[in-house]
Protein backbone atom coordinates (compact mmCIF):
# COMPACT_ATOMS: atom_id res chain seq x y z
CA UNK A 1 -16.53 -8.68 36.38
CA UNK A 2 -16.05 -8.10 32.64
CA UNK A 3 -16.06 -4.57 31.22
CA UNK A 4 -16.01 -3.23 27.66
CA UNK A 5 -14.32 0.16 27.44
CA UNK A 6 -15.60 1.75 24.21
CA UNK A 7 -14.01 4.85 22.75
CA UNK A 8 -13.23 6.85 19.59
CA UNK A 9 -11.98 5.09 16.46
CA UNK A 10 -8.84 7.27 16.33
CA UNK A 11 -7.65 6.45 19.87
CA UNK A 12 -4.35 4.99 18.69
CA UNK A 13 -3.81 6.87 15.41
CA UNK A 14 -4.41 10.37 16.83
CA UNK A 15 -3.15 10.04 20.38
CA UNK A 16 -4.37 12.42 23.06
CA UNK A 17 -4.71 12.56 26.81
CA UNK A 18 -7.62 10.13 26.65
CA UNK A 19 -5.33 7.55 24.98
CA UNK A 20 -3.10 7.43 28.05
CA UNK A 21 -6.05 7.70 30.44
CA UNK A 22 -7.78 4.68 28.92
CA UNK A 23 -4.72 2.48 28.45
CA UNK A 24 -3.33 3.10 31.91
CA UNK A 25 -6.65 2.83 33.73
CA UNK A 26 -7.44 -0.44 31.93
CA UNK A 27 -4.02 -1.82 32.82
CA UNK A 28 -4.50 -1.00 36.50
CA UNK A 29 -8.06 -2.38 36.51
CA UNK A 30 -6.70 -5.68 35.23
CA UNK A 31 -4.22 -5.73 38.13
CA UNK A 32 -7.28 -5.46 40.42
CA UNK A 33 -8.74 -8.59 38.85
CA UNK A 34 -11.25 -6.85 36.56
CA UNK A 35 -11.42 -8.19 33.00
CA UNK A 36 -11.28 -5.16 30.66
CA UNK A 37 -11.35 -5.02 26.86
CA UNK A 38 -10.70 -1.76 25.01
CA UNK A 39 -12.94 -1.49 21.95
CA UNK A 40 -12.92 1.23 19.30
CA UNK A 41 -16.40 2.42 18.45
CA UNK A 42 -16.21 0.99 14.92
CA UNK A 43 -15.23 -2.48 16.14
CA UNK A 44 -17.87 -5.19 16.75
CA UNK A 45 -18.73 -5.71 20.42
CA UNK A 46 -20.22 -8.96 21.69
CA UNK A 47 -22.34 -7.22 24.30
CA UNK A 48 -23.55 -10.40 25.98
CA UNK A 49 -19.98 -11.09 27.16
CA UNK A 50 -19.90 -7.97 29.33
CA UNK A 51 -21.45 -6.94 32.62
CA UNK A 52 -21.04 -3.23 31.98
CA UNK A 53 -20.02 -0.81 29.21
CA UNK A 54 -17.73 2.15 29.92
CA UNK A 55 -17.74 4.98 27.37
CA UNK A 56 -15.29 7.87 27.03
CA UNK A 57 -15.67 11.27 25.32
CA UNK A 58 -19.28 12.41 25.56
CA UNK A 59 -18.37 15.19 23.10
CA UNK A 60 -18.43 12.43 20.46
CA UNK A 61 -21.98 11.25 21.21
CA UNK A 62 -22.48 9.32 17.95
CA UNK A 63 -19.75 6.94 19.13
CA UNK A 64 -21.83 6.13 22.21
CA UNK A 65 -25.45 6.26 21.05
CA UNK A 66 -25.01 3.46 18.52
CA UNK A 67 -23.89 1.06 21.27
CA UNK A 68 -26.48 1.97 23.89
CA UNK A 69 -29.20 1.48 21.27
CA UNK A 70 -27.95 -2.00 20.44
CA UNK A 71 -26.62 -3.37 23.72
CA UNK A 72 -29.34 -2.82 26.35
CA UNK A 73 -26.49 -3.04 28.88
CA UNK A 74 -25.94 -0.69 31.84
CA UNK A 75 -23.21 1.83 31.13
CA UNK A 76 -21.08 4.53 32.71
CA UNK A 77 -19.52 7.53 30.98
CA UNK A 78 -16.22 9.34 31.46
CA UNK A 79 -17.26 12.64 29.85
CA UNK A 80 -13.87 14.19 28.96
CA UNK A 81 -15.99 17.30 28.51
CA UNK A 82 -13.80 19.76 26.63
CA UNK A 83 -14.98 23.20 25.51
CA UNK A 84 -13.14 24.61 22.51
CA UNK A 85 -15.86 27.13 21.67
CA UNK A 86 -13.71 30.19 22.39
CA UNK A 87 -10.90 28.92 20.19
CA UNK A 88 -13.25 27.79 17.41
CA UNK A 89 -15.16 31.06 17.39
CA UNK A 90 -12.33 33.57 17.80
CA UNK A 91 -9.05 31.99 16.73
CA UNK A 92 -9.63 29.12 14.32
CA UNK A 93 -8.30 29.98 10.85
CA UNK A 94 -9.64 29.42 7.35
CA UNK A 95 -13.19 28.96 6.11
CA UNK A 96 -14.18 26.98 9.21
CA UNK A 97 -13.02 29.82 11.45
CA UNK A 98 -15.09 32.37 9.52
CA UNK A 99 -18.20 30.18 9.71
CA UNK A 100 -17.78 29.24 13.39
CA UNK A 101 -17.78 32.90 14.45
CA UNK A 102 -21.55 32.97 13.97
CA UNK A 103 -22.53 29.56 15.35
CA UNK A 104 -23.35 28.28 18.86
CA UNK A 105 -21.10 25.67 20.44
CA UNK A 106 -23.21 22.56 19.79
CA UNK A 107 -23.70 23.49 16.14
CA UNK A 108 -19.93 23.81 15.74
CA UNK A 109 -19.37 20.36 17.25
CA UNK A 110 -22.06 18.92 14.97
CA UNK A 111 -20.36 20.37 11.88
CA UNK A 112 -16.91 19.14 13.00
CA UNK A 113 -18.28 15.61 13.50
CA UNK A 114 -19.89 15.55 10.05
CA UNK A 115 -16.75 17.01 8.45
CA UNK A 116 -14.46 14.35 9.99
CA UNK A 117 -16.83 11.66 8.68
CA UNK A 118 -17.15 13.10 5.17
CA UNK A 119 -13.37 13.59 4.88
CA UNK A 120 -12.75 9.98 5.91
CA UNK A 121 -10.85 10.97 9.05
CA UNK A 122 -13.33 9.32 11.43
CA UNK A 123 -16.40 7.09 11.46
CA UNK A 124 -20.00 8.10 12.06
CA UNK A 125 -21.11 5.25 14.26
CA UNK A 126 -24.84 5.97 13.93
CA UNK A 127 -26.77 7.94 11.33
CA UNK A 128 -29.33 8.91 14.00
CA UNK A 129 -26.85 11.61 15.00
CA UNK A 130 -27.60 13.36 11.70
CA UNK A 131 -31.21 14.17 12.61
CA UNK A 132 -31.06 14.22 16.41
CA UNK A 133 -28.07 16.57 16.45
CA UNK A 134 -25.25 17.06 18.93
CA UNK A 135 -26.99 18.37 22.05
CA UNK A 136 -29.94 15.98 21.89
CA UNK A 137 -27.59 13.02 21.43
CA UNK A 138 -25.64 14.02 24.55
CA UNK A 139 -28.88 14.47 26.51
CA UNK A 140 -29.93 10.95 25.54
CA UNK A 141 -26.65 9.57 26.92
CA UNK A 142 -26.95 11.51 30.19
CA UNK A 143 -30.54 10.39 30.65
CA UNK A 144 -29.68 6.70 30.25
CA UNK A 145 -26.26 6.49 31.96
CA UNK A 146 -26.10 4.55 35.22
CA UNK A 147 -23.31 6.78 36.51
CA UNK A 148 -21.00 9.60 35.38
CA UNK A 149 -17.25 9.33 36.03
CA UNK A 150 -15.90 12.89 35.62
CA UNK A 151 -12.25 13.79 36.15
CA UNK A 152 -13.25 16.73 38.37
CA UNK A 153 -16.27 18.18 40.15
CA UNK A 154 -15.98 21.21 37.87
CA UNK A 155 -16.45 18.93 34.87
CA UNK A 156 -19.54 17.29 36.38
CA UNK A 157 -21.05 20.70 37.15
CA UNK A 158 -20.46 21.77 33.54
CA UNK A 159 -22.76 18.98 32.33
CA UNK A 160 -25.66 21.07 33.64
CA UNK A 161 -25.44 23.07 30.40
CA UNK A 162 -27.26 20.22 28.65
CA UNK A 163 -30.39 20.97 30.70
CA UNK A 164 -31.31 17.44 31.69
CA UNK A 165 -31.31 15.62 35.06
CA UNK A 166 -27.94 14.03 35.73
CA UNK A 167 -27.25 10.60 37.23
CA UNK A 168 -25.02 10.31 40.28
CA UNK A 169 -21.27 10.54 39.81
CA UNK A 170 -17.94 9.25 41.07
CA UNK A 171 -14.86 11.48 40.78
CA UNK A 172 -12.11 9.62 38.92
CA UNK A 173 -8.87 11.63 38.81
CA UNK A 174 -6.47 11.70 35.93
CA UNK A 175 -3.06 10.44 36.87
CA UNK A 176 0.55 9.55 36.27
CA UNK A 177 2.56 6.34 36.39
CA UNK A 178 4.82 6.64 39.47
CA UNK A 179 7.04 3.88 38.12
CA UNK A 180 8.06 6.25 35.31
CA UNK A 181 7.65 9.76 36.69
CA UNK A 182 9.58 9.66 39.95
CA UNK A 183 12.38 12.20 39.84
CA UNK A 184 15.54 12.59 41.84
CA UNK A 185 16.09 15.74 43.88
CA UNK A 186 19.83 15.05 43.65
CA UNK A 187 19.91 15.88 39.92
CA UNK A 188 20.13 19.67 39.42
CA UNK A 189 17.54 21.48 37.29
CA UNK A 190 18.45 23.86 34.47
CA UNK A 191 16.76 27.08 35.67
CA UNK A 192 16.34 28.40 32.13
CA UNK A 193 15.00 25.20 30.51
CA UNK A 194 11.26 25.38 29.79
CA UNK A 195 9.27 22.51 28.28
CA UNK A 196 5.94 22.34 26.52
CA UNK A 197 4.86 18.72 25.98
CA UNK A 198 1.72 18.39 23.85
CA UNK A 199 0.49 17.62 20.36
CA UNK A 200 1.29 20.68 18.25
CA UNK A 201 -1.96 22.35 17.20
CA UNK A 202 -3.90 25.56 17.56
CA UNK A 203 -5.84 24.23 20.54
CA UNK A 204 -2.63 23.63 22.51
CA UNK A 205 -1.51 27.14 21.58
CA UNK A 206 2.24 26.67 21.19
CA UNK A 207 2.47 29.63 18.81
CA UNK A 208 1.53 32.16 21.49
CA UNK A 209 3.99 30.51 23.89
CA UNK A 210 6.74 30.85 21.29
CA UNK A 211 5.89 34.54 20.89
CA UNK A 212 6.02 34.90 24.68
CA UNK A 213 9.48 33.35 25.11
CA UNK A 214 11.19 34.40 21.86
CA UNK A 215 14.58 36.05 22.50
CA UNK A 216 14.31 35.72 26.27
CA UNK A 217 16.84 34.06 28.57
CA UNK A 218 14.71 30.92 28.58
CA UNK A 219 15.38 27.91 26.35
CA UNK A 220 12.00 26.55 25.27
CA UNK A 221 11.81 22.95 24.02
CA UNK A 222 8.50 22.08 22.32
CA UNK A 223 7.98 18.31 22.36
CA UNK A 224 5.28 16.70 20.22
CA UNK A 225 4.12 15.89 16.71
CA UNK A 226 1.83 18.17 14.72
CA UNK A 227 -1.82 17.14 14.66
CA UNK A 228 -2.72 15.52 11.31
CA UNK A 229 -4.61 18.56 10.03
CA UNK A 230 -2.35 21.18 11.63
CA UNK A 231 0.81 21.02 9.54
CA UNK A 232 0.46 24.70 8.55
CA UNK A 233 0.21 25.65 12.22
CA UNK A 234 3.33 23.63 12.98
CA UNK A 235 5.22 25.32 10.14
CA UNK A 236 4.13 28.73 11.43
CA UNK A 237 5.44 27.81 14.89
CA UNK A 238 8.81 26.92 13.42
CA UNK A 239 8.86 30.06 11.30
CA UNK A 240 8.12 32.32 14.28
CA UNK A 241 10.57 30.60 16.64
CA UNK A 242 13.75 32.46 17.57
CA UNK A 243 17.07 30.73 18.15
CA UNK A 244 16.23 29.96 21.81
CA UNK A 245 13.27 27.76 20.74
CA UNK A 246 13.74 24.14 19.58
CA UNK A 247 11.43 21.29 18.56
CA UNK A 248 11.52 17.55 19.26
CA UNK A 249 9.09 15.02 17.82
CA UNK A 250 6.81 12.97 20.07
CA UNK A 251 8.74 10.94 22.66
CA UNK A 252 7.75 7.81 24.58
CA UNK A 253 7.03 8.50 28.24
CA UNK A 254 10.25 6.81 29.34
CA UNK A 255 12.24 9.32 27.23
CA UNK A 256 10.12 12.26 28.35
CA UNK A 257 11.19 11.47 31.89
CA UNK A 258 14.75 12.62 31.14
CA UNK A 259 13.54 15.99 29.86
CA UNK A 260 11.25 16.52 32.84
CA UNK A 261 14.19 15.70 35.11
CA UNK A 262 16.36 18.41 33.52
CA UNK A 263 13.78 21.17 33.07
CA UNK A 264 12.86 23.68 35.75
CA UNK A 265 9.52 24.73 34.21
CA UNK A 266 6.71 23.20 32.16
CA UNK A 267 4.10 25.32 30.35
CA UNK A 268 0.77 24.16 28.89
CA UNK A 269 -1.04 27.28 27.56
CA UNK A 270 -4.00 25.50 25.89
CA UNK A 271 -7.36 27.05 25.09
CA UNK A 272 -8.91 24.41 27.36
CA UNK A 273 -7.70 21.56 29.58
CA UNK A 274 -9.67 19.06 31.62
CA UNK A 275 -6.48 18.49 33.59
CA UNK A 276 -3.25 18.56 31.58
CA UNK A 277 -1.55 15.17 31.83
CA UNK A 278 1.86 16.46 30.81
CA UNK A 279 1.61 19.10 33.55
CA UNK A 280 0.91 16.37 36.13
CA UNK A 281 3.90 14.38 34.86
CA UNK A 282 6.21 17.41 34.91
CA UNK A 283 5.11 18.43 38.41
CA UNK A 284 5.68 14.87 39.64
CA UNK A 285 9.25 15.23 38.35
CA UNK A 286 9.77 18.44 40.30
CA UNK A 287 9.09 21.01 37.59
CA UNK A 288 7.33 24.21 38.47
CA UNK A 289 4.30 24.54 36.25
CA UNK A 290 2.41 27.14 34.26
CA UNK A 291 -0.97 26.12 32.88
CA UNK A 292 -3.97 27.65 31.17
CA UNK A 293 -6.72 29.22 33.25
CA UNK A 294 -9.33 27.76 30.85
CA UNK A 295 -10.96 24.50 31.93
CA UNK A 296 -10.82 22.52 35.15
CA UNK A 297 -7.12 22.95 35.93
CA UNK A 298 -7.51 24.82 39.23
CA UNK A 299 -9.22 21.81 40.82
CA UNK A 300 -6.01 19.83 40.25
CA UNK A 301 -3.28 22.40 40.80
CA UNK A 302 -4.80 24.90 43.22
CA UNK A 303 -2.29 27.51 44.34
CA UNK A 304 0.70 25.37 43.38
CA UNK A 305 0.73 26.48 39.71
CA UNK A 306 0.87 29.78 37.87
CA UNK A 307 -2.04 30.36 35.47
CA UNK A 308 -1.91 32.11 32.12
CA UNK A 309 -4.38 33.58 29.66
CA UNK A 310 -4.00 31.64 26.39
CA UNK A 311 -4.82 34.77 24.37
CA UNK A 312 -1.93 36.72 25.90
CA UNK A 313 1.78 36.00 25.32
CA UNK A 314 2.47 38.70 27.93
CA UNK A 315 0.48 36.69 30.49
CA UNK A 316 2.51 33.58 29.65
CA UNK A 317 5.84 35.32 30.07
CA UNK A 318 4.69 36.85 33.37
CA UNK A 319 3.63 33.42 34.63
CA UNK A 320 6.97 31.88 33.62
CA UNK A 321 8.81 34.70 35.39
CA UNK A 322 6.61 34.16 38.44
CA UNK A 323 7.49 30.47 38.84
CA UNK A 324 11.13 31.03 37.84
CA UNK A 325 11.57 33.49 40.71
CA UNK A 326 9.68 31.40 43.27
CA UNK A 327 11.50 29.10 45.64
CA UNK A 328 9.23 26.17 44.77
CA UNK A 329 7.82 23.55 47.14
CA UNK A 330 7.08 19.85 47.01
CA UNK A 331 3.42 20.29 48.02
CA UNK A 332 2.07 19.63 44.52
CA UNK A 333 4.51 16.78 43.96
CA UNK A 334 3.34 15.02 47.13
CA UNK A 335 -0.31 15.64 46.25
CA UNK A 336 0.15 13.99 42.84
CA UNK A 337 1.70 10.82 44.28
CA UNK A 338 -1.03 10.62 46.92
CA UNK A 339 -4.09 11.43 44.79
CA UNK A 340 -3.32 11.50 41.06
CA UNK A 341 -1.96 8.14 39.96
CA UNK A 342 -3.44 5.57 37.59
CA UNK A 343 -3.67 3.17 40.53
CA UNK A 344 -5.92 5.67 42.33
CA UNK A 345 -7.99 6.18 39.16
CA UNK A 346 -8.46 2.43 38.69
CA UNK A 347 -9.34 1.82 42.34
CA UNK A 348 -12.07 4.48 42.27
CA UNK A 349 -13.31 3.27 38.88
CA UNK A 350 -13.63 -0.28 40.26
CA UNK A 351 -15.73 1.00 43.16
CA UNK A 352 -17.99 2.85 40.71
CA UNK A 353 -18.47 -0.31 38.62
CA UNK A 354 -19.48 -2.27 41.72
CA UNK A 355 -21.94 0.41 42.79
CA UNK A 356 -23.66 0.24 39.39
CA UNK A 357 -23.77 -3.55 39.21
CA UNK A 358 -25.08 -3.89 42.77
């Protein structure tokens, strides 16, 4: 079986959760004997070499439509269906923020796609996107896909908003690498050390977290690089931070492990999360976790996390206090090692491929 995984052109230059999802799943698929090539959408693909195409990020439909028009191959889609409409409409700054306040979600995504292309920050893989638009392009993908591979049932259900019949689906969880993120219960945690591991940008909402924990007993360490177009946001975070807040640039996962081992708490207060990979990693290392209540996070973390409102620093502080005062259990940690590993993701993905090709 030979598979082409096709994804956004900025997969390696602007790393996100999908970067680690794709790389790790492909690596584990290869260990199962499946031949996988990762292709960026702007790279040539010799379609005849492949049995099946696997696309990621349905919210970038132009990246997908160009290939399904040319290939005539069966394909599956991992939607990575994020919804940043609330942030874009209510909290985004500048001229874009003023304009987005009056636009529906799909129009906003259309404008963002065109803007990235015109500014040279991304490719526009097919010009048909210009006249078909965002929603119609996504509907075309859903109508032609052989199978959908969502990261949660909540994500699959959300696809109903595109008002078209959906193909069948296979749930493919996000995961961790147990070879890296296996902590030791013998190493004591610092009860006041709080981490936030994420790219620094408005969507990840570090500024409100800083406001929440400024001048408290907690020592917050923000780990990550600023997003390419969010340097002003990063500078504002540093300006607002009190002496108990510190910043560390992006770290390789092997180095992150040491911070997760020391910290008692991890917070990810984003405006939306499909899962929150850094939260999975931190929980696997024995951290108690606080995560946004926006997105599909409850399907992963259930009652084993505290949830916060990204608009409210008070909510974040209350959630941190809640987990800091709790005794903590290993229920979530065990669940992650049993259900949320890249080996599990690859195994279920392989079954989905076989179902399509049979």
